[in-house]
N, C-alpha and C. Protein backbone atom coordinates (compact mmCIF):
# COMPACT_ATOMS: atom_id res chain seq x y z
N MET A 1 205.44 139.80 266.13
CA MET A 1 205.73 138.67 265.21
C MET A 1 205.17 137.38 265.73
N SER A 2 204.44 136.65 264.88
CA SER A 2 203.89 135.36 265.31
C SER A 2 204.98 134.32 265.58
N GLY A 3 204.55 133.25 266.26
CA GLY A 3 205.52 132.20 266.61
C GLY A 3 206.12 131.62 265.43
N ALA A 4 205.41 131.35 264.28
CA ALA A 4 205.89 130.80 263.12
C ALA A 4 206.95 131.72 262.45
N ALA A 5 206.60 132.93 262.37
CA ALA A 5 207.54 133.97 261.76
C ALA A 5 208.76 134.07 262.50
N ALA A 6 208.66 134.04 263.91
CA ALA A 6 209.86 134.16 264.69
C ALA A 6 210.78 133.00 264.48
N HIS A 7 210.28 131.80 264.38
CA HIS A 7 211.13 130.60 264.12
C HIS A 7 211.57 130.49 262.73
N ASP A 8 210.84 131.18 261.76
CA ASP A 8 211.19 130.98 260.28
C ASP A 8 211.12 132.48 259.73
N PRO A 9 212.07 133.28 260.11
CA PRO A 9 211.97 134.74 259.62
C PRO A 9 212.08 134.91 258.11
N HIS A 10 212.68 133.92 257.43
CA HIS A 10 212.88 134.10 255.95
C HIS A 10 211.94 133.08 255.23
N ALA A 11 210.87 132.68 255.90
CA ALA A 11 209.78 131.87 255.18
C ALA A 11 210.34 130.71 254.48
N LEU A 12 211.24 129.94 255.08
CA LEU A 12 211.88 128.75 254.40
C LEU A 12 211.05 127.56 254.41
N GLY A 13 209.87 127.62 254.91
CA GLY A 13 208.92 126.45 254.81
C GLY A 13 207.98 126.28 256.02
N HIS A 14 208.41 126.74 257.23
CA HIS A 14 207.48 126.47 258.35
C HIS A 14 206.21 127.24 258.30
N GLY A 15 206.31 128.41 257.70
CA GLY A 15 205.16 129.25 257.63
C GLY A 15 204.36 129.13 256.41
N GLU A 16 204.63 128.18 255.54
CA GLU A 16 203.92 128.02 254.28
C GLU A 16 202.60 127.45 254.52
N ALA A 17 201.67 127.96 253.70
CA ALA A 17 200.21 127.43 253.84
C ALA A 17 200.14 126.12 253.16
N PRO A 18 199.24 125.29 253.62
CA PRO A 18 199.04 124.05 252.93
C PRO A 18 198.71 124.15 251.43
N ILE A 19 198.97 123.21 250.69
CA ILE A 19 198.67 123.20 249.18
C ILE A 19 197.23 123.53 248.94
N SER A 20 196.36 123.07 249.70
CA SER A 20 194.90 123.13 249.47
C SER A 20 194.47 124.62 249.73
N GLU A 21 195.23 125.31 250.41
CA GLU A 21 194.93 126.77 250.78
C GLU A 21 195.65 127.75 249.98
N ARG A 22 196.46 127.34 248.98
CA ARG A 22 197.23 128.33 248.24
C ARG A 22 196.58 128.89 247.03
N GLY A 23 195.30 128.54 246.85
CA GLY A 23 194.59 129.12 245.67
C GLY A 23 194.91 128.48 244.39
N PRO A 24 194.30 128.98 243.32
CA PRO A 24 194.53 128.32 241.95
C PRO A 24 195.94 128.52 241.38
N ALA A 25 196.31 127.50 240.61
CA ALA A 25 197.64 127.59 239.96
C ALA A 25 197.84 128.73 238.99
N SER A 26 198.98 129.13 238.75
CA SER A 26 199.26 130.31 237.89
C SER A 26 198.80 129.95 236.51
N LYS A 27 198.50 131.00 235.69
CA LYS A 27 197.95 130.88 234.35
C LYS A 27 199.02 130.06 233.48
N GLU A 28 200.28 130.32 233.75
CA GLU A 28 201.35 129.63 232.97
C GLU A 28 201.26 128.12 233.19
N ILE A 29 201.03 127.64 234.40
CA ILE A 29 200.92 126.23 234.72
C ILE A 29 199.68 125.65 233.99
N VAL A 30 198.61 126.34 234.14
CA VAL A 30 197.32 125.79 233.59
C VAL A 30 197.44 125.82 232.09
N VAL A 31 198.01 126.76 231.42
CA VAL A 31 198.15 126.75 229.99
C VAL A 31 198.94 125.57 229.50
N ALA A 32 200.15 125.42 230.23
CA ALA A 32 201.08 124.37 229.82
C ALA A 32 200.41 122.95 229.97
N TYR A 33 199.71 122.78 231.14
CA TYR A 33 199.09 121.50 231.36
C TYR A 33 198.05 121.22 230.36
N GLY A 34 197.31 122.21 229.99
CA GLY A 34 196.16 122.11 228.99
C GLY A 34 196.66 121.66 227.64
N PHE A 35 197.89 122.43 227.28
CA PHE A 35 198.35 122.15 225.93
C PHE A 35 198.98 120.77 225.81
N TRP A 36 199.62 120.30 226.92
CA TRP A 36 200.15 118.98 226.96
C TRP A 36 199.02 117.92 226.69
N ILE A 37 197.74 118.16 227.27
CA ILE A 37 196.67 117.30 227.02
C ILE A 37 196.33 117.35 225.59
N PHE A 38 196.35 118.55 225.00
CA PHE A 38 196.08 118.62 223.56
C PHE A 38 197.11 117.87 222.67
N ILE A 39 198.36 117.94 223.06
CA ILE A 39 199.27 117.27 222.32
C ILE A 39 199.16 115.75 222.40
N LEU A 40 198.93 115.31 223.52
CA LEU A 40 198.64 113.77 223.78
C LEU A 40 197.43 113.35 223.03
N SER A 41 196.36 114.17 222.99
CA SER A 41 195.23 113.79 222.25
C SER A 41 195.51 113.73 220.76
N ASP A 42 196.40 114.60 220.26
CA ASP A 42 196.76 114.59 218.93
C ASP A 42 197.60 113.33 218.50
N PHE A 43 198.47 112.91 219.47
CA PHE A 43 199.18 111.65 219.28
C PHE A 43 198.22 110.47 219.21
N ILE A 44 197.17 110.49 220.07
CA ILE A 44 196.08 109.43 219.97
C ILE A 44 195.47 109.43 218.62
N LEU A 45 195.09 110.62 218.14
CA LEU A 45 194.50 110.76 216.78
C LEU A 45 195.38 110.06 215.72
N PHE A 46 196.64 110.45 215.73
CA PHE A 46 197.54 109.84 214.73
C PHE A 46 197.74 108.40 214.90
N SER A 47 197.71 107.89 216.18
CA SER A 47 197.78 106.45 216.50
C SER A 47 196.74 105.69 215.82
N GLY A 48 195.54 106.24 215.67
CA GLY A 48 194.43 105.69 214.99
C GLY A 48 194.60 105.57 213.50
N PHE A 49 195.15 106.67 212.94
CA PHE A 49 195.57 106.61 211.52
C PHE A 49 196.63 105.65 211.19
N PHE A 50 197.66 105.55 212.08
CA PHE A 50 198.79 104.59 211.90
C PHE A 50 198.20 103.14 211.96
N ALA A 51 197.22 102.95 212.87
CA ALA A 51 196.71 101.56 213.00
C ALA A 51 195.94 101.12 211.79
N ALA A 52 195.11 102.19 211.24
CA ALA A 52 194.39 101.89 210.09
C ALA A 52 195.29 101.62 208.90
N TYR A 53 196.42 102.37 208.78
CA TYR A 53 197.27 102.01 207.69
C TYR A 53 197.98 100.77 207.84
N ALA A 54 198.31 100.41 209.07
CA ALA A 54 198.95 99.06 209.22
C ALA A 54 198.01 97.88 208.88
N VAL A 55 196.75 98.05 209.06
CA VAL A 55 195.76 97.03 208.77
C VAL A 55 195.57 96.97 207.20
N LEU A 56 195.50 98.11 206.61
CA LEU A 56 195.06 98.23 205.19
C LEU A 56 196.35 98.33 204.15
N VAL A 57 197.53 98.25 204.69
CA VAL A 57 198.66 98.49 203.75
C VAL A 57 198.72 97.40 202.67
N LYS A 58 198.27 96.22 202.93
CA LYS A 58 198.39 95.14 201.84
C LYS A 58 197.10 95.06 200.98
N GLU A 59 196.08 95.93 201.32
CA GLU A 59 194.87 95.83 200.66
C GLU A 59 194.91 96.80 199.40
N THR A 60 195.63 96.31 198.34
CA THR A 60 195.92 97.14 197.12
C THR A 60 194.77 96.91 196.10
N ALA A 61 193.98 96.02 196.27
CA ALA A 61 192.94 95.70 195.20
C ALA A 61 193.50 95.53 193.91
N GLY A 62 194.66 94.71 193.84
CA GLY A 62 195.30 94.45 192.60
C GLY A 62 196.05 95.68 192.02
N GLY A 63 196.10 96.78 192.64
CA GLY A 63 196.83 97.93 192.24
C GLY A 63 198.24 98.02 192.72
N PRO A 64 198.86 99.15 192.57
CA PRO A 64 200.28 99.35 192.93
C PRO A 64 200.40 99.45 194.42
N SER A 65 201.51 98.90 194.90
CA SER A 65 201.86 99.01 196.36
C SER A 65 202.79 100.22 196.63
N GLY A 66 203.23 100.42 197.80
CA GLY A 66 204.04 101.48 198.14
C GLY A 66 205.44 101.36 197.45
N ARG A 67 205.85 100.17 197.20
CA ARG A 67 207.19 99.97 196.55
C ARG A 67 207.16 100.56 195.17
N MET A 68 206.00 100.44 194.52
CA MET A 68 205.89 100.94 193.06
C MET A 68 205.60 102.45 193.12
N LEU A 69 205.14 103.03 194.17
CA LEU A 69 204.61 104.39 194.08
C LEU A 69 205.47 105.44 194.79
N PHE A 70 206.12 105.05 195.87
CA PHE A 70 206.82 106.01 196.69
C PHE A 70 208.19 106.49 196.04
N ASP A 71 208.35 107.77 196.01
CA ASP A 71 209.54 108.37 195.42
C ASP A 71 210.43 108.86 196.66
N LEU A 72 211.24 107.89 197.09
CA LEU A 72 212.07 108.20 198.30
C LEU A 72 212.95 109.47 198.28
N PRO A 73 213.62 109.76 197.08
CA PRO A 73 214.38 111.03 197.15
C PRO A 73 213.53 112.27 197.34
N LEU A 74 212.33 112.29 196.79
CA LEU A 74 211.36 113.41 197.07
C LEU A 74 210.93 113.34 198.52
N VAL A 75 210.71 112.32 199.11
CA VAL A 75 210.35 112.29 200.53
C VAL A 75 211.50 112.61 201.43
N ALA A 76 212.70 112.22 201.01
CA ALA A 76 213.92 112.66 201.74
C ALA A 76 214.08 114.12 201.76
N TRP A 77 213.74 114.82 200.62
CA TRP A 77 213.81 116.35 200.68
C TRP A 77 212.77 116.84 201.59
N GLU A 78 211.55 116.28 201.56
CA GLU A 78 210.43 116.71 202.52
C GLU A 78 210.94 116.53 203.89
N THR A 79 211.62 115.50 204.29
CA THR A 79 212.04 115.30 205.67
C THR A 79 213.11 116.23 205.98
N ALA A 80 214.05 116.49 205.06
CA ALA A 80 215.14 117.40 205.38
C ALA A 80 214.51 118.87 205.69
N ALA A 81 213.56 119.19 204.80
CA ALA A 81 212.90 120.52 205.03
C ALA A 81 212.27 120.68 206.34
N LEU A 82 211.52 119.61 206.78
CA LEU A 82 210.79 119.73 208.04
C LEU A 82 211.80 119.63 209.23
N LEU A 83 212.78 118.83 209.16
CA LEU A 83 213.75 118.71 210.24
C LEU A 83 214.54 120.10 210.38
N LEU A 84 214.88 120.68 209.22
CA LEU A 84 215.56 121.95 209.28
C LEU A 84 214.67 122.97 209.92
N SER A 85 213.39 122.98 209.56
CA SER A 85 212.35 123.97 210.06
C SER A 85 212.28 123.77 211.59
N SER A 86 212.43 122.64 212.11
CA SER A 86 212.39 122.40 213.50
C SER A 86 213.56 122.97 214.18
N PHE A 87 214.76 122.87 213.56
CA PHE A 87 215.97 123.45 214.07
C PHE A 87 215.81 125.00 214.11
N ALA A 88 215.29 125.48 213.03
CA ALA A 88 215.16 127.02 213.00
C ALA A 88 214.12 127.46 214.10
N CYS A 89 213.09 126.61 214.31
CA CYS A 89 212.11 126.94 215.34
C CYS A 89 212.74 126.96 216.77
N GLY A 90 213.68 125.94 216.94
CA GLY A 90 214.50 126.07 218.18
C GLY A 90 215.34 127.27 218.38
N MET A 91 215.87 127.76 217.17
CA MET A 91 216.67 128.92 217.32
C MET A 91 215.81 130.19 217.61
N ALA A 92 214.60 130.13 217.16
CA ALA A 92 213.61 131.24 217.44
C ALA A 92 213.35 131.21 218.95
N GLY A 93 213.23 129.97 219.56
CA GLY A 93 213.05 129.92 220.96
C GLY A 93 214.23 130.54 221.76
N VAL A 94 215.45 130.24 221.26
CA VAL A 94 216.61 130.88 221.97
C VAL A 94 216.61 132.39 221.82
N ALA A 95 216.25 132.86 220.61
CA ALA A 95 216.13 134.39 220.47
C ALA A 95 214.97 134.84 221.35
N MET A 96 213.96 134.21 221.55
CA MET A 96 212.87 134.61 222.50
C MET A 96 213.43 134.79 223.87
N LEU A 97 214.14 133.70 224.36
CA LEU A 97 214.67 133.74 225.67
C LEU A 97 215.59 134.99 225.88
N ALA A 98 216.32 135.26 224.84
CA ALA A 98 217.24 136.46 224.86
C ALA A 98 216.52 137.74 224.64
N ARG A 99 215.21 137.66 224.27
CA ARG A 99 214.40 138.87 224.04
C ARG A 99 215.03 139.68 222.83
N ASN A 100 215.42 138.96 221.79
CA ASN A 100 215.99 139.50 220.55
C ASN A 100 214.94 139.39 219.50
N ALA A 101 214.19 140.44 219.26
CA ALA A 101 213.05 140.34 218.31
C ALA A 101 213.50 140.20 216.91
N ARG A 102 214.67 140.80 216.48
CA ARG A 102 215.11 140.65 215.11
C ARG A 102 215.37 139.18 214.81
N TRP A 103 216.20 138.57 215.64
CA TRP A 103 216.59 137.18 215.29
C TRP A 103 215.45 136.28 215.52
N PHE A 104 214.50 136.55 216.37
CA PHE A 104 213.31 135.83 216.48
C PHE A 104 212.54 135.77 215.25
N GLN A 105 212.30 136.94 214.66
CA GLN A 105 211.64 137.07 213.38
C GLN A 105 212.34 136.36 212.24
N VAL A 106 213.66 136.48 212.19
CA VAL A 106 214.42 135.75 211.21
C VAL A 106 214.26 134.27 211.26
N ALA A 107 214.45 133.73 212.55
CA ALA A 107 214.34 132.33 212.68
C ALA A 107 212.94 131.80 212.38
N MET A 108 211.90 132.56 212.80
CA MET A 108 210.55 132.08 212.56
C MET A 108 210.27 132.19 211.07
N GLY A 109 210.82 133.17 210.38
CA GLY A 109 210.60 133.27 208.93
C GLY A 109 211.18 132.12 208.19
N VAL A 110 212.42 131.76 208.67
CA VAL A 110 213.04 130.49 208.09
C VAL A 110 212.20 129.26 208.28
N THR A 111 211.71 129.12 209.52
CA THR A 111 210.79 128.12 209.90
C THR A 111 209.65 127.91 209.02
N ALA A 112 208.96 129.16 208.77
CA ALA A 112 207.80 129.23 207.82
C ALA A 112 208.20 128.90 206.36
N ALA A 113 209.34 129.34 205.87
CA ALA A 113 209.72 129.03 204.53
C ALA A 113 210.02 127.57 204.30
N LEU A 114 210.64 126.91 205.27
CA LEU A 114 210.99 125.48 205.19
C LEU A 114 209.75 124.64 205.38
N GLY A 115 208.78 125.06 206.17
CA GLY A 115 207.52 124.49 206.32
C GLY A 115 206.66 124.55 204.98
N ALA A 116 206.81 125.69 204.36
CA ALA A 116 206.11 125.82 203.01
C ALA A 116 206.69 124.92 202.02
N VAL A 117 207.99 124.78 202.02
CA VAL A 117 208.71 123.95 201.06
C VAL A 117 208.18 122.43 201.26
N PHE A 118 208.12 122.05 202.56
CA PHE A 118 207.64 120.66 202.78
C PHE A 118 206.30 120.47 202.32
N LEU A 119 205.34 121.46 202.49
CA LEU A 119 204.03 121.36 201.97
C LEU A 119 203.93 121.38 200.45
N ALA A 120 204.78 122.10 199.81
CA ALA A 120 204.81 122.16 198.30
C ALA A 120 205.23 120.85 197.75
N LEU A 121 206.14 120.20 198.39
CA LEU A 121 206.66 118.90 198.03
C LEU A 121 205.59 117.79 198.19
N GLU A 122 204.95 117.92 199.30
CA GLU A 122 203.86 116.96 199.57
C GLU A 122 202.73 117.10 198.58
N VAL A 123 202.33 118.32 198.33
CA VAL A 123 201.17 118.48 197.37
C VAL A 123 201.61 118.00 196.05
N SER A 124 202.87 118.19 195.72
CA SER A 124 203.40 117.69 194.34
C SER A 124 203.32 116.24 194.33
N GLU A 125 203.64 115.54 195.38
CA GLU A 125 203.58 114.09 195.46
C GLU A 125 202.10 113.66 195.26
N PHE A 126 201.18 114.28 196.04
CA PHE A 126 199.80 113.93 195.93
C PHE A 126 199.28 114.18 194.46
N VAL A 127 199.64 115.23 193.87
CA VAL A 127 199.18 115.56 192.48
C VAL A 127 199.63 114.52 191.54
N ASP A 128 200.91 114.10 191.65
CA ASP A 128 201.40 113.11 190.83
C ASP A 128 200.72 111.82 190.92
N LEU A 129 200.46 111.38 192.18
CA LEU A 129 199.78 110.08 192.44
C LEU A 129 198.38 110.12 191.85
N ILE A 130 197.62 111.25 192.17
CA ILE A 130 196.21 111.35 191.61
C ILE A 130 196.24 111.43 190.09
N GLY A 131 197.18 112.16 189.48
CA GLY A 131 197.31 112.26 188.09
C GLY A 131 197.53 110.89 187.43
N ASP A 132 198.22 110.02 188.05
CA ASP A 132 198.46 108.69 187.52
C ASP A 132 197.43 107.70 187.86
N GLY A 133 196.31 108.13 188.38
CA GLY A 133 195.13 107.28 188.73
C GLY A 133 195.33 106.62 190.00
N ASN A 134 196.18 107.07 190.88
CA ASN A 134 196.46 106.34 192.12
C ASN A 134 195.99 107.30 193.32
N GLY A 135 194.72 107.77 193.21
CA GLY A 135 194.18 108.61 194.22
C GLY A 135 193.60 107.76 195.39
N PRO A 136 193.05 108.39 196.39
CA PRO A 136 192.49 107.64 197.58
C PRO A 136 191.40 106.68 197.32
N ASP A 137 190.74 106.83 196.16
CA ASP A 137 189.69 105.87 195.77
C ASP A 137 190.12 104.67 195.00
N ARG A 138 191.47 104.56 194.73
CA ARG A 138 191.97 103.45 194.11
C ARG A 138 191.99 102.15 194.87
N SER A 139 192.29 102.21 196.09
CA SER A 139 192.34 101.03 196.99
C SER A 139 192.37 101.51 198.45
N ALA A 140 192.04 100.47 199.29
CA ALA A 140 192.04 100.76 200.74
C ALA A 140 193.43 101.26 201.22
N PHE A 141 194.42 100.63 200.58
CA PHE A 141 195.84 101.01 200.94
C PHE A 141 196.02 102.56 200.69
N LEU A 142 195.60 102.97 199.51
CA LEU A 142 195.87 104.43 199.19
C LEU A 142 194.92 105.25 199.99
N SER A 143 193.69 104.81 200.28
CA SER A 143 192.87 105.62 201.18
C SER A 143 193.45 105.87 202.50
N SER A 144 194.07 104.81 203.12
CA SER A 144 194.73 105.05 204.40
C SER A 144 195.95 105.83 204.33
N PHE A 145 196.73 105.71 203.19
CA PHE A 145 197.97 106.44 202.93
C PHE A 145 197.63 108.02 202.89
N PHE A 146 196.59 108.33 202.02
CA PHE A 146 196.19 109.82 201.87
C PHE A 146 195.66 110.25 203.24
N ALA A 147 194.95 109.52 203.93
CA ALA A 147 194.40 109.94 205.20
C ALA A 147 195.46 110.33 206.21
N LEU A 148 196.37 109.37 206.39
CA LEU A 148 197.49 109.57 207.27
C LEU A 148 198.44 110.69 206.87
N VAL A 149 199.03 110.71 205.76
CA VAL A 149 199.86 111.70 205.26
C VAL A 149 199.15 113.08 205.17
N GLY A 150 197.91 113.06 204.61
CA GLY A 150 197.18 114.33 204.56
C GLY A 150 196.82 114.91 205.84
N CYS A 151 196.63 114.09 206.83
CA CYS A 151 196.27 114.61 208.21
C CYS A 151 197.50 115.38 208.73
N HIS A 152 198.67 114.79 208.52
CA HIS A 152 199.89 115.49 208.97
C HIS A 152 200.02 116.76 208.15
N GLY A 153 199.81 116.66 206.87
CA GLY A 153 199.96 117.90 206.10
C GLY A 153 199.01 119.00 206.54
N LEU A 154 197.82 118.72 206.92
CA LEU A 154 196.87 119.64 207.38
C LEU A 154 197.34 120.27 208.74
N HIS A 155 197.95 119.46 209.61
CA HIS A 155 198.53 119.95 210.80
C HIS A 155 199.68 120.98 210.50
N VAL A 156 200.48 120.66 209.50
CA VAL A 156 201.58 121.62 209.18
C VAL A 156 201.02 122.91 208.63
N THR A 157 199.95 122.82 207.81
CA THR A 157 199.28 124.02 207.30
C THR A 157 198.70 124.94 208.39
N LEU A 158 198.07 124.33 209.34
CA LEU A 158 197.53 125.05 210.48
C LEU A 158 198.71 125.64 211.43
N GLY A 159 199.84 124.90 211.41
CA GLY A 159 200.92 125.38 212.16
C GLY A 159 201.56 126.51 211.53
N LEU A 160 201.52 126.61 210.19
CA LEU A 160 202.12 127.80 209.52
C LEU A 160 201.13 129.04 209.71
N VAL A 161 199.89 128.91 209.80
CA VAL A 161 199.01 130.00 210.14
C VAL A 161 199.22 130.47 211.47
N TRP A 162 199.40 129.59 212.41
CA TRP A 162 199.71 129.89 213.80
C TRP A 162 201.00 130.68 213.85
N LEU A 163 201.99 130.10 213.14
CA LEU A 163 203.37 130.73 213.20
C LEU A 163 203.38 132.22 212.76
N THR A 164 202.67 132.40 211.60
CA THR A 164 202.69 133.84 211.10
C THR A 164 201.88 134.71 212.13
N THR A 165 200.83 134.19 212.74
CA THR A 165 200.13 135.00 213.72
C THR A 165 201.02 135.31 214.93
N MET A 166 201.83 134.43 215.38
CA MET A 166 202.78 134.71 216.45
C MET A 166 203.88 135.70 216.06
N MET A 167 204.33 135.65 214.77
CA MET A 167 205.30 136.66 214.30
C MET A 167 204.68 138.06 214.31
N ALA A 168 203.42 138.15 213.89
CA ALA A 168 202.73 139.30 213.88
C ALA A 168 202.55 139.95 215.26
N GLN A 169 202.13 139.10 216.24
CA GLN A 169 201.95 139.54 217.59
C GLN A 169 203.30 140.01 218.25
N VAL A 170 204.33 139.32 218.03
CA VAL A 170 205.65 139.71 218.68
C VAL A 170 206.09 141.05 218.00
N TRP A 171 205.79 141.19 216.73
CA TRP A 171 206.23 142.46 216.04
C TRP A 171 205.38 143.62 216.64
N ALA A 172 204.10 143.37 216.79
CA ALA A 172 203.11 144.51 217.23
C ALA A 172 203.34 144.74 218.76
N LYS A 173 203.46 143.77 219.55
CA LYS A 173 203.39 143.83 220.99
C LYS A 173 204.65 143.45 221.83
N GLY A 174 205.59 142.86 221.04
CA GLY A 174 206.85 142.49 221.82
C GLY A 174 206.71 141.23 222.54
N PHE A 175 207.58 140.93 223.43
CA PHE A 175 207.60 139.58 224.14
C PHE A 175 206.72 139.81 225.43
N ARG A 176 205.58 140.03 225.23
CA ARG A 176 204.63 140.10 226.41
C ARG A 176 204.44 138.74 226.99
N GLU A 177 204.20 138.66 228.29
CA GLU A 177 204.14 137.33 228.92
C GLU A 177 203.14 136.33 228.26
N ASP A 178 201.98 136.79 227.90
CA ASP A 178 200.90 135.90 227.31
C ASP A 178 201.37 135.48 225.96
N ILE A 179 202.05 136.39 225.18
CA ILE A 179 202.45 136.03 223.86
C ILE A 179 203.73 135.01 223.98
N VAL A 180 204.49 135.17 224.90
CA VAL A 180 205.58 134.14 225.07
C VAL A 180 205.05 132.83 225.31
N ARG A 181 203.98 132.74 226.16
CA ARG A 181 203.28 131.43 226.39
C ARG A 181 202.76 130.87 225.11
N ARG A 182 202.15 131.68 224.30
CA ARG A 182 201.60 131.16 223.07
C ARG A 182 202.74 130.67 222.09
N VAL A 183 203.82 131.43 222.07
CA VAL A 183 204.90 131.00 221.22
C VAL A 183 205.50 129.68 221.74
N ALA A 184 205.63 129.56 223.06
CA ALA A 184 206.23 128.25 223.51
C ALA A 184 205.20 127.13 223.15
N CYS A 185 203.91 127.37 223.27
CA CYS A 185 202.95 126.25 222.90
C CYS A 185 203.11 125.91 221.36
N PHE A 186 203.32 126.94 220.56
CA PHE A 186 203.50 126.68 219.17
C PHE A 186 204.71 125.78 218.93
N MET A 187 205.76 126.19 219.58
CA MET A 187 207.11 125.45 219.38
C MET A 187 206.95 124.02 219.74
N LEU A 188 206.22 123.73 220.88
CA LEU A 188 205.96 122.40 221.30
C LEU A 188 205.19 121.60 220.21
N PHE A 189 204.16 122.32 219.64
CA PHE A 189 203.36 121.75 218.62
C PHE A 189 204.14 121.36 217.25
N TRP A 190 205.02 122.36 216.98
CA TRP A 190 205.87 122.11 215.76
C TRP A 190 206.78 120.96 215.89
N HIS A 191 207.44 120.87 217.11
CA HIS A 191 208.36 119.78 217.31
C HIS A 191 207.59 118.44 217.37
N ALA A 192 206.34 118.44 217.88
CA ALA A 192 205.59 117.19 217.88
C ALA A 192 205.35 116.74 216.45
N LEU A 193 205.00 117.71 215.54
CA LEU A 193 204.72 117.27 214.15
C LEU A 193 206.07 116.69 213.59
N ASP A 194 207.14 117.13 213.99
CA ASP A 194 208.49 116.58 213.58
C ASP A 194 208.53 115.15 213.98
N ILE A 195 208.21 114.83 215.25
CA ILE A 195 208.27 113.53 215.74
C ILE A 195 207.43 112.60 214.95
N ILE A 196 206.11 113.07 214.68
CA ILE A 196 205.17 112.32 214.02
C ILE A 196 205.58 111.98 212.56
N TRP A 197 206.27 113.01 212.02
CA TRP A 197 206.73 112.83 210.59
C TRP A 197 207.83 111.70 210.57
N VAL A 198 208.70 111.78 211.59
CA VAL A 198 209.78 110.81 211.48
C VAL A 198 209.18 109.32 211.59
N ALA A 199 208.16 109.18 212.45
CA ALA A 199 207.54 107.85 212.59
C ALA A 199 206.86 107.51 211.24
N LEU A 200 206.15 108.52 210.57
CA LEU A 200 205.51 108.28 209.32
C LEU A 200 206.52 107.95 208.24
N PHE A 201 207.55 108.73 208.10
CA PHE A 201 208.58 108.46 207.08
C PHE A 201 209.19 107.03 207.24
N THR A 202 209.33 106.56 208.51
CA THR A 202 209.94 105.23 208.76
C THR A 202 208.94 104.12 208.45
N THR A 203 207.71 104.30 208.97
CA THR A 203 206.79 103.14 208.83
C THR A 203 206.11 103.18 207.53
N VAL A 204 205.84 104.30 206.86
CA VAL A 204 205.08 104.34 205.64
C VAL A 204 206.08 104.27 204.47
N TYR A 205 207.00 105.20 204.37
CA TYR A 205 207.81 105.31 203.15
C TYR A 205 208.94 104.26 203.13
N LEU A 206 209.83 104.24 204.22
CA LEU A 206 210.97 103.35 204.20
C LEU A 206 210.44 101.82 204.13
N LEU A 207 209.62 101.48 205.08
CA LEU A 207 209.11 100.12 205.08
C LEU A 207 208.28 99.86 203.83
N GLY A 208 207.54 100.85 203.41
CA GLY A 208 206.62 100.56 202.27
C GLY A 208 207.43 100.42 200.91
N ALA A 209 208.52 101.20 200.81
CA ALA A 209 209.26 101.15 199.61
C ALA A 209 210.14 99.82 199.58
N GLY A 210 210.48 99.22 200.79
CA GLY A 210 211.26 98.03 200.81
C GLY A 210 210.43 96.77 200.91
N ALA A 211 209.15 96.90 200.90
CA ALA A 211 208.22 95.77 201.07
C ALA A 211 208.15 94.97 199.84
């Protein structure tokens, strides 16, 4: 037995190799770190859209402003659907930790259904605005509005595709380690979309309707 092992038979720290000699980090750490960078870059992307909207919100070119256009009850239903979908997504995470495939699929199915309701209401809002002649080409204000809200809607659409893929993988292969990592990344992405929508609902709809 070496001197280090004799003084530290349970490897409590004296025999530990320096950090520089321990080799590469585990895949779990690398994936989590990389995905956090992606999430932060997405926040930066939305910050640009928010900044553009803040600059152009009063540039209506003589057309209607948010106060005349925004249907707050409809947007409230959108918000409720997305927030409830985030709660269901959290329940799916609990089921995943318990390795309960049935409740995982149920919770993810509810998440998908509520996300689809959110998208349907948003598309309905866009169709009504464009049908009334208030499309993105009407004014700089509406261009920035459609760009910001539409970008969020596109993210939700991609999230739903990702969600159904994760459901299929868990159904086919179970809670394999790599699949659990992917599901955890999806849940982080979905909750981030919730945070962005709360900011969007407050700054665009609530402040716009009261301006």
